Amino acid sequence: MYGWRVRVGHVAPSRGDTLVYEFYQMLPSGFMILNSTGTIRQLVDADIDRQLQRIEEAAADLVDNKCDSVIIGGSPLFTKMGFGSDTEMGKRLTKKFGVPVFPGITGEMEALRSLNIKKVVVATPHEDTLNERMKAFLEASGFKVLKIQGYGVRKNADITDMDEHAAYKIAKRLYEQAPDADGVFVPCPRWPTITDVDLLEREIGKPVVTSCQAYIWYALKQAKVKQEVPGFGRLMASLGN
């Protein structure tokens, strides 16, 4: 069986294509991700609400396919519902299905904490409405947001098509405007991020957390698997500890 070490399930809010690609870029043989395609095509509330209605069914299917842990992707779902909505859903579905089920935003918050990031700059592909919700969620979670800015993209497919170095460029610029930050957070698993994480960390001397990193890091921790992943930043390297 493929995925003999870990089979990670992902309830994608849209396609999940970039996360799947970056998963296999970072992890060796023995790790597998099973993706459930979602319904969000535009990052607007109507699409977000529709996706919220299908999470439990999609998670059940992934558990039925022997996933060791299940990620519920899409931070905008939980920033819309507000602080605490992620942990409530994660606890409820974990109890129901008997395997760790968690929203990706839970993994993101835990990843930031694990690297002792308290003051953060946030670089996103999103519009201001989603950025303000993310800022509120982060601050309710105990973080201080020094800067947050995005590219203003609404259509999901356009995020995948962004330049491979777009995340690096905006993240570095925002950090230079707030060098007192403890680190950088780059949410959204739909845009390319991991190729520049190690470079950005070396240039700014601070840790960087992306959604794809955080999802995978937390999924493997929930499955109680240790696997050092060098070359993709401090967070992934810490998986060997």
C-alpha atoms as a PDB file:
ATOM      1  CA  MET A   1       0.000   0.000   0.000  1.00  0.00           C
ATOM      2  CA  TYR A   2       1.298   3.452  -0.863  1.00  0.00           C
ATOM      3  CA  GLY A   3       1.471   5.765   2.113  1.00  0.00           C
ATOM      4  CA  TRP A   4       2.684   2.984   4.391  1.00  0.00           C
ATOM      5  CA  ARG A   5       4.111   5.469   6.905  1.00  0.00           C
ATOM      6  CA  VAL A   6       1.357   8.082   6.828  1.00  0.00           C
ATOM      7  CA  ARG A   7      -1.742   8.737   4.748  1.00  0.00           C
ATOM      8  CA  VAL A   8      -2.826  12.348   5.197  1.00  0.00           C
ATOM      9  CA  GLY A   9      -6.319  13.402   4.160  1.00  0.00           C
ATOM     10  CA  HIS A  10      -7.069  16.922   2.953  1.00  0.00           C
ATOM     11  CA  VAL A  11     -10.547  18.410   2.681  1.00  0.00           C
ATOM     12  CA  ALA A  12      -9.615  21.009   0.083  1.00  0.00           C
ATOM     13  CA  PRO A  13     -11.748  24.145  -0.016  1.00  0.00           C
ATOM     14  CA  SER A  14     -11.135  24.320  -3.754  1.00  0.00           C
ATOM     15  CA  ARG A  15      -8.654  22.168  -5.708  1.00  0.00           C
ATOM     16  CA  GLY A  16      -5.822  21.441  -3.297  1.00  0.00           C
ATOM     17  CA  ASP A  17      -3.418  21.237  -6.223  1.00  0.00           C
ATOM     18  CA  THR A  18      -0.534  23.286  -4.842  1.00  0.00           C
ATOM     19  CA  LEU A  19      -0.655  21.588  -1.439  1.00  0.00           C
ATOM     20  CA  VAL A  20      -0.503  18.165  -3.066  1.00  0.00           C
ATOM     21  CA  TYR A  21       2.434  19.223  -5.241  1.00  0.00           C
ATOM     22  CA  GLU A  22       4.363  20.748  -2.344  1.00  0.00           C
ATOM     23  CA  PHE A  23       3.604  17.725  -0.128  1.00  0.00           C
ATOM     24  CA  TYR A  24       5.416  15.453  -2.574  1.00  0.00           C
ATOM     25  CA  GLN A  25       8.217  17.978  -3.070  1.00  0.00           C
ATOM     26  CA  MET A  26       8.981  17.921   0.649  1.00  0.00           C
ATOM     27  CA  LEU A  27       8.318  14.361   1.802  1.00  0.00           C
ATOM     28  CA  PRO A  28      10.036  11.111   0.816  1.00  0.00           C
ATOM     29  CA  SER A  29       8.511   7.836  -0.305  1.00  0.00           C
ATOM     30  CA  GLY A  30       6.129   6.322   2.231  1.00  0.00           C
ATOM     31  CA  PHE A  31       4.009   9.448   2.665  1.00  0.00           C
ATOM     32  CA  MET A  32       0.752   9.967   0.779  1.00  0.00           C
ATOM     33  CA  ILE A  33      -1.866  12.715   0.640  1.00  0.00           C
ATOM     34  CA  LEU A  34      -5.471  12.023  -0.327  1.00  0.00           C
ATOM     35  CA  ASN A  35      -7.305  15.109  -1.525  1.00  0.00           C
ATOM     36  CA  SER A  36     -11.043  15.845  -1.552  1.00  0.00           C
ATOM     37  CA  THR A  37     -11.909  18.642  -3.986  1.00  0.00           C
ATOM     38  CA  GLY A  38     -14.055  21.489  -2.632  1.00  0.00           C
ATOM     39  CA  THR A  39     -16.553  23.971  -4.029  1.00  0.00           C
ATOM     40  CA  ILE A  40     -14.981  27.415  -3.516  1.00  0.00           C
ATOM     41  CA  ARG A  41     -14.299  29.128  -6.825  1.00  0.00           C
ATOM     42  CA  GLN A  42     -14.397  32.749  -5.652  1.00  0.00           C
ATOM     43  CA  LEU A  43     -13.203  33.841  -2.214  1.00  0.00           C
ATOM     44  CA  VAL A  44     -16.562  35.291  -1.254  1.00  0.00           C
ATOM     45  CA  ASP A  45     -18.921  34.435   1.601  1.00  0.00           C
ATOM     46  CA  ALA A  46     -21.449  32.538  -0.523  1.00  0.00           C
ATOM     47  CA  ASP A  47     -18.787  30.092  -1.698  1.00  0.00           C
ATOM     48  CA  ILE A  48     -17.311  29.837   1.793  1.00  0.00           C
ATOM     49  CA  ASP A  49     -20.705  29.007   3.297  1.00  0.00           C
ATOM     50  CA  ARG A  50     -21.355  26.338   0.667  1.00  0.00           C
ATOM     51  CA  GLN A  51     -18.035  24.643   1.416  1.00  0.00           C
ATOM     52  CA  LEU A  52     -18.754  24.629   5.152  1.00  0.00           C
ATOM     53  CA  GLN A  53     -21.786  22.431   4.479  1.00  0.00           C
ATOM     54  CA  ARG A  54     -19.743  19.619   2.921  1.00  0.00           C
ATOM     55  CA  ILE A  55     -16.797  19.361   5.316  1.00  0.00           C
ATOM     56  CA  GLU A  56     -18.127  16.503   7.428  1.00  0.00           C
ATOM     57  CA  GLU A  57     -19.077  14.340   4.441  1.00  0.00           C
ATOM     58  CA  ALA A  58     -15.671  14.875   2.824  1.00  0.00           C
ATOM     59  CA  ALA A  59     -13.835  14.110   6.076  1.00  0.00           C
ATOM     60  CA  ALA A  60     -15.829  10.902   6.510  1.00  0.00           C
ATOM     61  CA  ASP A  61     -14.797   9.744   3.038  1.00  0.00           C
ATOM     62  CA  LEU A  62     -11.119  10.384   3.776  1.00  0.00           C
ATOM     63  CA  VAL A  63     -11.314   8.501   7.071  1.00  0.00           C
ATOM     64  CA  ASP A  64     -13.001   5.631   5.220  1.00  0.00           C
ATOM     65  CA  ASN A  65      -9.959   5.577   2.938  1.00  0.00           C
ATOM     66  CA  LYS A  66      -7.689   4.910   5.913  1.00  0.00           C
ATOM     67  CA  CYS A  67      -6.181   8.348   6.444  1.00  0.00           C
ATOM     68  CA  ASP A  68      -4.146   8.658   9.638  1.00  0.00           C
ATOM     69  CA  SER A  69      -5.040  12.326  10.052  1.00  0.00           C
ATOM     70  CA  VAL A  70      -7.290  14.729   8.163  1.00  0.00           C
ATOM     71  CA  ILE A  71      -6.723  18.417   7.413  1.00  0.00           C
ATOM     72  CA  ILE A  72      -9.711  20.702   6.848  1.00  0.00           C
ATOM     73  CA  GLY A  73      -8.236  23.260   4.485  1.00  0.00           C
ATOM     74  CA  GLY A  74      -9.264  26.852   4.032  1.00  0.00           C
ATOM     75  CA  SER A  75      -8.415  29.400   6.704  1.00  0.00           C
ATOM     76  CA  PRO A  76     -11.064  31.841   5.352  1.00  0.00           C
ATOM     77  CA  LEU A  77     -13.758  29.381   6.476  1.00  0.00           C
ATOM     78  CA  PHE A  78     -12.682  29.696  10.086  1.00  0.00           C
ATOM     79  CA  THR A  79     -11.680  33.348  10.123  1.00  0.00           C
ATOM     80  CA  LYS A  80     -15.238  34.031   8.915  1.00  0.00           C
ATOM     81  CA  MET A  81     -16.725  31.971  11.761  1.00  0.00           C
ATOM     82  CA  GLY A  82     -14.301  33.464  14.259  1.00  0.00           C
ATOM     83  CA  PHE A  83     -11.821  32.507  16.953  1.00  0.00           C
ATOM     84  CA  GLY A  84     -12.444  29.089  18.498  1.00  0.00           C
ATOM     85  CA  SER A  85     -14.501  27.749  15.591  1.00  0.00           C
ATOM     86  CA  ASP A  86     -11.552  25.675  14.401  1.00  0.00           C
ATOM     87  CA  THR A  87     -10.816  23.923  17.678  1.00  0.00           C
ATOM     88  CA  GLU A  88     -14.509  23.233  18.260  1.00  0.00           C
ATOM     89  CA  MET A  89     -14.883  21.561  14.871  1.00  0.00           C
ATOM     90  CA  GLY A  90     -11.624  19.665  15.234  1.00  0.00           C
ATOM     91  CA  LYS A  91     -12.578  18.216  18.612  1.00  0.00           C
ATOM     92  CA  ARG A  92     -16.053  17.260  17.422  1.00  0.00           C
ATOM     93  CA  LEU A  93     -14.908  15.506  14.241  1.00  0.00           C
ATOM     94  CA  THR A  94     -11.939  13.815  15.924  1.00  0.00           C
ATOM     95  CA  LYS A  95     -14.319  12.336  18.480  1.00  0.00           C
ATOM     96  CA  LYS A  96     -16.779  11.274  15.791  1.00  0.00           C
ATOM     97  CA  PHE A  97     -14.281   9.635  13.423  1.00  0.00           C
ATOM     98  CA  GLY A  98     -11.670   8.330  15.856  1.00  0.00           C
ATOM     99  CA  VAL A  99      -8.670   9.811  14.025  1.00  0.00           C
ATOM    100  CA  PRO A 100      -7.173  13.309  14.325  1.00  0.00           C
ATOM    101  CA  VAL A 101      -9.226  15.759  12.262  1.00  0.00           C
ATOM    102  CA  PHE A 102      -8.198  19.403  12.401  1.00  0.00           C
ATOM    103  CA  PRO A 103      -8.674  22.647  10.485  1.00  0.00           C
ATOM    104  CA  GLY A 104      -5.510  23.825   8.796  1.00  0.00           C
ATOM    105  CA  ILE A 105      -5.705  27.111  10.664  1.00  0.00           C
ATOM    106  CA  THR A 106      -5.241  25.193  13.927  1.00  0.00           C
ATOM    107  CA  GLY A 107      -1.992  23.824  12.546  1.00  0.00           C
ATOM    108  CA  GLU A 108      -0.962  27.305  11.441  1.00  0.00           C
ATOM    109  CA  MET A 109      -1.455  28.760  14.914  1.00  0.00           C
ATOM    110  CA  GLU A 110       0.421  25.861  16.519  1.00  0.00           C
ATOM    111  CA  ALA A 111       3.258  26.193  14.016  1.00  0.00           C
ATOM    112  CA  LEU A 112       3.693  29.883  14.863  1.00  0.00           C
ATOM    113  CA  ARG A 113       3.742  29.063  18.575  1.00  0.00           C
ATOM    114  CA  SER A 114       6.257  26.255  18.109  1.00  0.00           C
ATOM    115  CA  LEU A 115       8.722  28.740  16.612  1.00  0.00           C
ATOM    116  CA  ASN A 116       8.118  31.289  19.393  1.00  0.00           C
ATOM    117  CA  ILE A 117       6.602  33.802  16.998  1.00  0.00           C
ATOM    118  CA  LYS A 118       4.568  36.390  18.884  1.00  0.00           C
ATOM    119  CA  LYS A 119       4.924  39.491  16.704  1.00  0.00           C
ATOM    120  CA  VAL A 120       4.243  38.617  13.085  1.00  0.00           C
ATOM    121  CA  VAL A 121       4.011  40.050   9.604  1.00  0.00           C
ATOM    122  CA  VAL A 122       1.504  38.365   7.300  1.00  0.00           C
ATOM    123  CA  ALA A 123       1.741  38.136   3.503  1.00  0.00           C
ATOM    124  CA  THR A 124      -1.285  36.767   1.617  1.00  0.00           C
ATOM    125  CA  PRO A 125      -2.721  36.512  -1.890  1.00  0.00           C
ATOM    126  CA  HIS A 126      -6.106  37.724  -0.600  1.00  0.00           C
ATOM    127  CA  GLU A 127      -8.310  40.795  -0.594  1.00  0.00           C
ATOM    128  CA  ASP A 128      -8.505  43.180   2.354  1.00  0.00           C
ATOM    129  CA  THR A 129     -11.712  41.657   3.786  1.00  0.00           C
ATOM    130  CA  LEU A 130     -10.072  38.265   4.270  1.00  0.00           C
ATOM    131  CA  ASN A 131      -6.889  39.886   5.543  1.00  0.00           C
ATOM    132  CA  GLU A 132      -8.787  41.792   8.223  1.00  0.00           C
ATOM    133  CA  ARG A 133     -10.484  38.572   9.329  1.00  0.00           C
ATOM    134  CA  MET A 134      -7.125  36.807   9.497  1.00  0.00           C
ATOM    135  CA  LYS A 135      -5.680  39.662  11.534  1.00  0.00           C
ATOM    136  CA  ALA A 136      -8.586  39.469  13.997  1.00  0.00           C
ATOM    137  CA  PHE A 137      -8.187  35.684  14.302  1.00  0.00           C
ATOM    138  CA  LEU A 138      -4.443  35.946  14.902  1.00  0.00           C
ATOM    139  CA  GLU A 139      -4.862  38.634  17.525  1.00  0.00           C
ATOM    140  CA  ALA A 140      -7.586  36.648  19.299  1.00  0.00           C
ATOM    141  CA  SER A 141      -5.106  33.745  19.299  1.00  0.00           C
ATOM    142  CA  GLY A 142      -2.541  35.860  21.137  1.00  0.00           C
ATOM    143  CA  PHE A 143      -0.359  37.170  18.305  1.00  0.00           C
ATOM    144  CA  LYS A 144       0.479  40.777  17.499  1.00  0.00           C
ATOM    145  CA  VAL A 145       0.131  41.545  13.791  1.00  0.00           C
ATOM    146  CA  LEU A 146       2.618  44.249  12.817  1.00  0.00           C
ATOM    147  CA  LYS A 147       1.808  44.196   9.097  1.00  0.00           C
ATOM    148  CA  ILE A 148      -0.654  42.338   6.886  1.00  0.00           C
ATOM    149  CA  GLN A 149      -1.087  42.780   3.157  1.00  0.00           C
ATOM    150  CA  GLY A 150      -2.184  40.754   0.150  1.00  0.00           C
ATOM    151  CA  TYR A 151      -2.280  40.783  -3.625  1.00  0.00           C
ATOM    152  CA  GLY A 152      -6.057  41.214  -3.753  1.00  0.00           C
ATOM    153  CA  VAL A 153      -6.867  37.994  -5.608  1.00  0.00           C
ATOM    154  CA  ARG A 154     -10.467  36.747  -5.414  1.00  0.00           C
ATOM    155  CA  LYS A 155     -10.617  33.896  -7.951  1.00  0.00           C
ATOM    156  CA  ASN A 156      -9.036  30.718  -6.613  1.00  0.00           C
ATOM    157  CA  ALA A 157      -7.635  29.537  -9.925  1.00  0.00           C
ATOM    158  CA  ASP A 158      -5.724  32.807 -10.250  1.00  0.00           C
ATOM    159  CA  ILE A 159      -3.876  32.109  -6.992  1.00  0.00           C
ATOM    160  CA  THR A 160      -2.369  28.920  -8.404  1.00  0.00           C
ATOM    161  CA  ASP A 161      -1.212  30.847 -11.469  1.00  0.00           C
ATOM    162  CA  MET A 162       0.698  33.458  -9.460  1.00  0.00           C
ATOM    163  CA  ASP A 163       4.435  33.857  -9.973  1.00  0.00           C
ATOM    164  CA  GLU A 164       6.429  31.242  -8.084  1.00  0.00           C
ATOM    165  CA  HIS A 165       8.253  33.970  -6.167  1.00  0.00           C
ATOM    166  CA  ALA A 166       5.281  36.280  -5.479  1.00  0.00           C
ATOM    167  CA  ALA A 167       4.979  35.142  -1.859  1.00  0.00           C
ATOM    168  CA  TYR A 168       8.694  35.677  -1.245  1.00  0.00           C
ATOM    169  CA  LYS A 169       8.599  39.192  -2.698  1.00  0.00           C
ATOM    170  CA  ILE A 170       5.685  40.505  -0.626  1.00  0.00           C
ATOM    171  CA  ALA A 171       6.804  38.694   2.538  1.00  0.00           C
ATOM    172  CA  LYS A 172      10.308  40.158   2.378  1.00  0.00           C
ATOM    173  CA  ARG A 173       8.987  43.655   1.664  1.00  0.00           C
ATOM    174  CA  LEU A 174       6.571  43.529   4.606  1.00  0.00           C
ATOM    175  CA  TYR A 175       9.261  42.223   6.942  1.00  0.00           C
ATOM    176  CA  GLU A 176      11.565  45.081   5.936  1.00  0.00           C
ATOM    177  CA  GLN A 177       8.782  47.475   6.984  1.00  0.00           C
ATOM    178  CA  ALA A 178       8.485  45.761  10.390  1.00  0.00           C
ATOM    179  CA  PRO A 179      11.866  44.222  11.274  1.00  0.00           C
ATOM    180  CA  ASP A 180      10.855  43.857  14.931  1.00  0.00           C
ATOM    181  CA  ALA A 181       8.655  40.925  13.919  1.00  0.00           C
ATOM    182  CA  ASP A 182       9.590  37.528  15.350  1.00  0.00           C
ATOM    183  CA  GLY A 183       8.727  35.868  12.061  1.00  0.00           C
ATOM    184  CA  VAL A 184       6.663  35.810   8.890  1.00  0.00           C
ATOM    185  CA  PHE A 185       3.359  34.037   8.224  1.00  0.00           C
ATOM    186  CA  VAL A 186       2.339  33.250   4.635  1.00  0.00           C
ATOM    187  CA  PRO A 187      -1.207  31.823   4.692  1.00  0.00           C
ATOM    188  CA  CYS A 188      -3.062  30.077   1.844  1.00  0.00           C
ATOM    189  CA  PRO A 189      -1.949  26.672   0.557  1.00  0.00           C
ATOM    190  CA  ARG A 190      -3.034  27.487  -2.994  1.00  0.00           C
ATOM    191  CA  TRP A 191      -0.110  29.725  -3.992  1.00  0.00           C
ATOM    192  CA  PRO A 192       3.479  28.518  -4.468  1.00  0.00           C
ATOM    193  CA  THR A 193       5.581  29.123  -1.358  1.00  0.00           C
ATOM    194  CA  ILE A 194       7.990  26.401  -0.289  1.00  0.00           C
ATOM    195  CA  THR A 195      10.769  26.921  -2.832  1.00  0.00           C
ATOM    196  CA  ASP A 196      11.748  30.238  -1.222  1.00  0.00           C
ATOM    197  CA  VAL A 197      11.165  29.540   2.489  1.00  0.00           C
ATOM    198  CA  ASP A 198      14.729  28.523   3.280  1.00  0.00           C
ATOM    199  CA  LEU A 199      16.117  31.487   1.314  1.00  0.00           C
ATOM    200  CA  LEU A 200      13.803  33.978   3.030  1.00  0.00           C
ATOM    201  CA  GLU A 201      14.688  32.651   6.488  1.00  0.00           C
ATOM    202  CA  ARG A 202      18.391  33.018   5.760  1.00  0.00           C
ATOM    203  CA  GLU A 203      17.944  36.555   4.442  1.00  0.00           C
ATOM    204  CA  ILE A 204      15.854  37.911   7.314  1.00  0.00           C
ATOM    205  CA  GLY A 205      17.226  35.689  10.078  1.00  0.00           C
ATOM    206  CA  LYS A 206      13.724  34.841  11.303  1.00  0.00           C
ATOM    207  CA  PRO A 207      11.404  31.830  10.937  1.00  0.00           C
ATOM    208  CA  VAL A 208       8.806  31.644   8.187  1.00  0.00           C
ATOM    209  CA  VAL A 209       5.549  29.670   8.354  1.00  0.00           C
ATOM    210  CA  THR A 210       3.500  28.900   5.244  1.00  0.00           C
ATOM    211  CA  SER A 211       0.157  27.121   5.125  1.00  0.00           C
ATOM    212  CA  CYS A 212       1.524  24.113   3.260  1.00  0.00           C
ATOM    213  CA  GLN A 213       4.313  23.710   5.798  1.00  0.00           C
ATOM    214  CA  ALA A 214       1.973  24.093   8.763  1.00  0.00           C
ATOM    215  CA  TYR A 215      -0.655  21.697   7.400  1.00  0.00           C
ATOM    216  CA  ILE A 216       1.890  18.958   6.762  1.00  0.00           C
ATOM    217  CA  TRP A 217       3.872  19.592   9.956  1.00  0.00           C
ATOM    218  CA  TYR A 218       0.770  19.375  12.125  1.00  0.00           C
ATOM    219  CA  ALA A 219      -0.686  16.384  10.257  1.00  0.00           C
ATOM    220  CA  LEU A 220       2.496  14.380  10.832  1.00  0.00           C
ATOM    221  CA  LYS A 221       2.662  15.403  14.474  1.00  0.00           C
ATOM    222  CA  GLN A 222      -0.949  14.304  14.946  1.00  0.00           C
ATOM    223  CA  ALA A 223      -0.067  10.971  13.344  1.00  0.00           C
ATOM    224  CA  LYS A 224       2.948  10.719  15.717  1.00  0.00           C
ATOM    225  CA  VAL A 225       5.500  10.413  12.935  1.00  0.00           C
ATOM    226  CA  LYS A 226       9.016  11.893  13.062  1.00  0.00           C
ATOM    227  CA  GLN A 227      10.668  12.754   9.762  1.00  0.00           C
ATOM    228  CA  GLU A 228      13.265  15.484   9.425  1.00  0.00           C
ATOM    229  CA  VAL A 229      12.618  17.471   6.258  1.00  0.00           C
ATOM    230  CA  PRO A 230      15.663  19.635   5.435  1.00  0.00           C
ATOM    231  CA  GLY A 231      15.774  22.461   2.924  1.00  0.00           C
ATOM    232  CA  PHE A 232      12.277  23.846   3.487  1.00  0.00           C
ATOM    233  CA  GLY A 233      12.671  26.012   6.564  1.00  0.00           C
ATOM    234  CA  ARG A 234      12.931  25.630  10.311  1.00  0.00           C
ATOM    235  CA  LEU A 235       9.423  24.302  10.840  1.00  0.00           C
ATOM    236  CA  MET A 236       9.841  21.293   8.574  1.00  0.00           C
ATOM    237  CA  ALA A 237      13.341  20.593   9.898  1.00  0.00           C
ATOM    238  CA  SER A 238      11.869  20.401  13.404  1.00  0.00           C
ATOM    239  CA  LEU A 239       9.796  17.338  12.466  1.00  0.00           C
ATOM    240  CA  GLY A 240      12.811  15.186  13.239  1.00  0.00           C
ATOM    241  CA  ASN A 241      12.885  16.283  16.882  1.00  0.00           C
END
